[in-house]
Amino acid sequence: MSIVAWIVLGLIAGFIASKIVNKTGEGAILDIVLGVVGALVGGFVFNAVGAVGVDGFNVWSMFVAVIGAILVLVLKHAVMGRGRVHV
C-alpha cells in the first residue's frame, strides 16, 4: 500500500475506534497515528492467531485496523488510568 493509503486507512480506522472507545474523536493527526498503529497491532494479532492481517485497502484491512486501534486505546486507558487517585 502507498503512504497515502496508509494515512487514509489510519484516519478512518482511528476515528472509528476512538468513537467506539471514547465516544469522541482524538483529532485528525492522533486518529491517523492511532489507526496506523492499530493496523500494525491488529495485523500482528490476526497473524498470530492464523488469520490474514492487513493486506491492502479493503474492508477486511479496515476491520483489522479498527480492532487493533481499539486494543491500543484500551491498553492506553488501562496504563494511563493506573496512576491516578480518584477522591
N, C-alpha and C. Protein backbone atom coordinates (compact mmCIF):
# COMPACT_ATOMS: atom_id res chain seq x y z
N MET A 1 0.84 -1.18 0.00
CA MET A 1 0.00 0.00 0.00
C MET A 1 0.89 1.24 0.00
N SER A 2 0.39 2.28 -0.59
CA SER A 2 1.13 3.54 -0.61
C SER A 2 0.96 4.27 0.72
N ILE A 3 1.77 5.26 0.94
CA ILE A 3 1.70 6.04 2.17
C ILE A 3 0.37 6.76 2.29
N VAL A 4 -0.17 7.21 1.17
CA VAL A 4 -1.47 7.89 1.19
C VAL A 4 -2.57 6.91 1.63
N ALA A 5 -2.51 5.68 1.15
CA ALA A 5 -3.50 4.67 1.54
C ALA A 5 -3.39 4.36 3.02
N TRP A 6 -2.15 4.29 3.55
CA TRP A 6 -1.97 4.06 4.99
C TRP A 6 -2.55 5.21 5.80
N ILE A 7 -2.37 6.44 5.34
CA ILE A 7 -2.89 7.61 6.05
C ILE A 7 -4.42 7.60 6.05
N VAL A 8 -5.01 7.31 4.89
CA VAL A 8 -6.48 7.28 4.80
C VAL A 8 -7.04 6.14 5.65
N LEU A 9 -6.44 4.95 5.54
CA LEU A 9 -6.87 3.82 6.35
C LEU A 9 -6.72 4.14 7.84
N GLY A 10 -5.61 4.76 8.20
CA GLY A 10 -5.37 5.12 9.59
C GLY A 10 -6.36 6.14 10.10
N LEU A 11 -6.67 7.13 9.30
CA LEU A 11 -7.63 8.15 9.71
C LEU A 11 -9.02 7.55 9.96
N ILE A 12 -9.46 6.73 9.03
CA ILE A 12 -10.79 6.13 9.17
C ILE A 12 -10.82 5.15 10.35
N ALA A 13 -9.83 4.27 10.42
CA ALA A 13 -9.81 3.27 11.50
C ALA A 13 -9.64 3.93 12.86
N GLY A 14 -8.76 4.92 12.96
CA GLY A 14 -8.55 5.62 14.23
C GLY A 14 -9.79 6.36 14.67
N PHE A 15 -10.48 6.98 13.74
CA PHE A 15 -11.71 7.71 14.08
C PHE A 15 -12.78 6.76 14.57
N ILE A 16 -12.97 5.64 13.87
CA ILE A 16 -13.98 4.65 14.28
C ILE A 16 -13.65 4.10 15.66
N ALA A 17 -12.40 3.73 15.87
CA ALA A 17 -12.00 3.15 17.16
C ALA A 17 -12.15 4.16 18.29
N SER A 18 -11.78 5.41 18.06
CA SER A 18 -11.90 6.41 19.12
C SER A 18 -13.37 6.73 19.41
N LYS A 19 -14.22 6.66 18.40
CA LYS A 19 -15.66 6.83 18.63
C LYS A 19 -16.23 5.67 19.45
N ILE A 20 -15.76 4.47 19.21
CA ILE A 20 -16.24 3.30 19.95
C ILE A 20 -15.76 3.34 21.40
N VAL A 21 -14.49 3.65 21.61
CA VAL A 21 -13.92 3.60 22.96
C VAL A 21 -14.19 4.88 23.74
N ASN A 22 -13.93 6.03 23.14
CA ASN A 22 -14.02 7.31 23.86
C ASN A 22 -15.31 8.07 23.62
N LYS A 23 -16.08 7.68 22.64
CA LYS A 23 -17.29 8.39 22.21
C LYS A 23 -17.00 9.72 21.53
N THR A 24 -15.73 10.08 21.38
CA THR A 24 -15.32 11.28 20.64
C THR A 24 -14.09 10.94 19.81
N GLY A 25 -13.82 11.74 18.81
CA GLY A 25 -12.60 11.56 18.03
C GLY A 25 -11.40 12.10 18.80
N GLU A 26 -10.22 11.67 18.41
CA GLU A 26 -8.99 12.12 19.06
C GLU A 26 -8.40 13.34 18.35
N GLY A 27 -8.92 13.71 17.20
CA GLY A 27 -8.31 14.74 16.37
C GLY A 27 -7.70 14.07 15.16
N ALA A 28 -7.57 14.78 14.07
CA ALA A 28 -7.14 14.17 12.80
C ALA A 28 -5.78 13.51 12.90
N ILE A 29 -4.79 14.19 13.44
CA ILE A 29 -3.43 13.64 13.48
C ILE A 29 -3.38 12.43 14.41
N LEU A 30 -3.96 12.54 15.60
CA LEU A 30 -3.95 11.41 16.53
C LEU A 30 -4.77 10.24 16.00
N ASP A 31 -5.86 10.51 15.28
CA ASP A 31 -6.63 9.43 14.67
C ASP A 31 -5.81 8.70 13.61
N ILE A 32 -5.03 9.43 12.83
CA ILE A 32 -4.17 8.81 11.81
C ILE A 32 -3.13 7.93 12.49
N VAL A 33 -2.46 8.47 13.50
CA VAL A 33 -1.43 7.70 14.21
C VAL A 33 -2.06 6.47 14.87
N LEU A 34 -3.18 6.68 15.54
CA LEU A 34 -3.88 5.58 16.19
C LEU A 34 -4.27 4.50 15.19
N GLY A 35 -4.78 4.90 14.05
CA GLY A 35 -5.19 3.94 13.03
C GLY A 35 -4.04 3.17 12.42
N VAL A 36 -2.93 3.85 12.16
CA VAL A 36 -1.76 3.17 11.58
C VAL A 36 -1.16 2.21 12.61
N VAL A 37 -1.01 2.66 13.85
CA VAL A 37 -0.51 1.78 14.90
C VAL A 37 -1.49 0.63 15.12
N GLY A 38 -2.78 0.94 15.09
CA GLY A 38 -3.80 -0.10 15.21
C GLY A 38 -3.72 -1.12 14.09
N ALA A 39 -3.44 -0.68 12.88
CA ALA A 39 -3.29 -1.60 11.76
C ALA A 39 -2.10 -2.53 11.97
N LEU A 40 -1.01 -1.99 12.50
CA LEU A 40 0.16 -2.82 12.78
C LEU A 40 -0.12 -3.82 13.90
N VAL A 41 -0.73 -3.34 14.98
CA VAL A 41 -1.06 -4.21 16.11
C VAL A 41 -2.10 -5.25 15.68
N GLY A 42 -3.14 -4.81 15.00
CA GLY A 42 -4.17 -5.73 14.54
C GLY A 42 -3.62 -6.77 13.58
N GLY A 43 -2.75 -6.34 12.67
CA GLY A 43 -2.12 -7.29 11.75
C GLY A 43 -1.29 -8.33 12.48
N PHE A 44 -0.56 -7.89 13.50
CA PHE A 44 0.24 -8.82 14.30
C PHE A 44 -0.66 -9.82 15.03
N VAL A 45 -1.70 -9.32 15.67
CA VAL A 45 -2.61 -10.18 16.43
C VAL A 45 -3.33 -11.16 15.51
N PHE A 46 -3.84 -10.68 14.39
CA PHE A 46 -4.57 -11.56 13.46
C PHE A 46 -3.63 -12.60 12.86
N ASN A 47 -2.40 -12.21 12.53
CA ASN A 47 -1.44 -13.19 12.01
C ASN A 47 -1.07 -14.22 13.07
N ALA A 48 -1.01 -13.79 14.34
CA ALA A 48 -0.65 -14.69 15.43
C ALA A 48 -1.69 -15.78 15.63
N VAL A 49 -2.94 -15.48 15.36
CA VAL A 49 -4.00 -16.49 15.52
C VAL A 49 -4.32 -17.21 14.21
N GLY A 50 -3.56 -16.94 13.18
CA GLY A 50 -3.71 -17.66 11.92
C GLY A 50 -4.62 -17.02 10.89
N ALA A 51 -5.08 -15.81 11.16
CA ALA A 51 -5.93 -15.11 10.20
C ALA A 51 -5.07 -14.16 9.36
N VAL A 52 -5.66 -13.61 8.34
CA VAL A 52 -4.97 -12.66 7.48
C VAL A 52 -5.01 -11.29 8.13
N GLY A 53 -3.87 -10.60 8.14
CA GLY A 53 -3.81 -9.25 8.68
C GLY A 53 -4.18 -8.24 7.62
N VAL A 54 -3.54 -7.10 7.66
CA VAL A 54 -3.77 -6.04 6.68
C VAL A 54 -3.13 -6.46 5.37
N ASP A 55 -3.94 -6.52 4.30
CA ASP A 55 -3.40 -6.97 3.01
C ASP A 55 -3.75 -6.04 1.87
N GLY A 56 -4.09 -4.81 2.16
CA GLY A 56 -4.41 -3.83 1.13
C GLY A 56 -5.47 -2.88 1.65
N PHE A 57 -5.99 -2.07 0.77
CA PHE A 57 -7.02 -1.11 1.15
C PHE A 57 -8.37 -1.72 0.85
N ASN A 58 -8.91 -2.47 1.83
CA ASN A 58 -10.19 -3.14 1.65
C ASN A 58 -10.92 -3.20 2.99
N VAL A 59 -12.11 -3.78 2.98
CA VAL A 59 -12.94 -3.82 4.18
C VAL A 59 -12.29 -4.66 5.27
N TRP A 60 -11.70 -5.80 4.90
CA TRP A 60 -11.05 -6.65 5.90
C TRP A 60 -9.90 -5.92 6.59
N SER A 61 -9.09 -5.23 5.83
CA SER A 61 -7.97 -4.48 6.42
C SER A 61 -8.48 -3.38 7.34
N MET A 62 -9.59 -2.75 6.98
CA MET A 62 -10.19 -1.73 7.83
C MET A 62 -10.66 -2.36 9.14
N PHE A 63 -11.28 -3.52 9.06
CA PHE A 63 -11.73 -4.24 10.25
C PHE A 63 -10.54 -4.57 11.16
N VAL A 64 -9.47 -5.11 10.59
CA VAL A 64 -8.27 -5.45 11.35
C VAL A 64 -7.69 -4.20 12.01
N ALA A 65 -7.63 -3.10 11.27
CA ALA A 65 -7.08 -1.86 11.81
C ALA A 65 -7.94 -1.30 12.94
N VAL A 66 -9.25 -1.37 12.81
CA VAL A 66 -10.14 -0.88 13.86
C VAL A 66 -9.99 -1.73 15.12
N ILE A 67 -9.95 -3.05 14.97
CA ILE A 67 -9.77 -3.93 16.13
C ILE A 67 -8.43 -3.63 16.80
N GLY A 68 -7.38 -3.46 16.02
CA GLY A 68 -6.07 -3.14 16.58
C GLY A 68 -6.07 -1.79 17.28
N ALA A 69 -6.74 -0.80 16.70
CA ALA A 69 -6.80 0.53 17.31
C ALA A 69 -7.60 0.49 18.61
N ILE A 70 -8.66 -0.31 18.65
CA ILE A 70 -9.42 -0.47 19.90
C ILE A 70 -8.54 -1.09 20.97
N LEU A 71 -7.75 -2.10 20.61
CA LEU A 71 -6.83 -2.71 21.57
C LEU A 71 -5.83 -1.69 22.09
N VAL A 72 -5.29 -0.85 21.20
CA VAL A 72 -4.33 0.17 21.60
C VAL A 72 -4.98 1.18 22.55
N LEU A 73 -6.19 1.62 22.24
CA LEU A 73 -6.88 2.58 23.11
C LEU A 73 -7.22 1.98 24.48
N VAL A 74 -7.67 0.76 24.51
CA VAL A 74 -7.99 0.11 25.78
C VAL A 74 -6.72 -0.04 26.61
N LEU A 75 -5.62 -0.44 25.99
CA LEU A 75 -4.35 -0.55 26.69
C LEU A 75 -3.88 0.81 27.19
N LYS A 76 -4.04 1.84 26.37
CA LYS A 76 -3.66 3.20 26.77
C LYS A 76 -4.45 3.64 28.00
N HIS A 77 -5.75 3.41 27.99
CA HIS A 77 -6.59 3.81 29.12
C HIS A 77 -6.25 3.00 30.37
N ALA A 78 -5.89 1.74 30.21
CA ALA A 78 -5.52 0.91 31.36
C ALA A 78 -4.22 1.40 31.98
N VAL A 79 -3.27 1.78 31.15
CA VAL A 79 -1.97 2.24 31.65
C VAL A 79 -2.07 3.66 32.20
N MET A 80 -2.74 4.54 31.50
CA MET A 80 -2.83 5.93 31.93
C MET A 80 -3.71 6.08 33.17
N GLY A 81 -4.70 5.25 33.33
CA GLY A 81 -5.61 5.36 34.47
C GLY A 81 -5.05 4.75 35.74
N ARG A 82 -3.98 4.02 35.63
CA ARG A 82 -3.44 3.28 36.76
C ARG A 82 -2.85 4.19 37.84
N GLY A 83 -2.19 5.29 37.47
CA GLY A 83 -1.51 6.15 38.43
C GLY A 83 -2.38 7.22 39.05
N ARG A 84 -3.61 7.34 38.63
CA ARG A 84 -4.48 8.41 39.13
C ARG A 84 -5.17 8.01 40.42
N VAL A 85 -5.34 8.97 41.28
CA VAL A 85 -6.08 8.74 42.52
C VAL A 85 -7.39 9.47 42.42
N HIS A 86 -8.49 8.76 42.57
CA HIS A 86 -9.82 9.36 42.49
C HIS A 86 -10.36 9.54 43.90
N VAL A 87 -10.75 10.79 44.22
CA VAL A 87 -11.27 11.08 45.55
C VAL A 87 -12.75 11.36 45.48
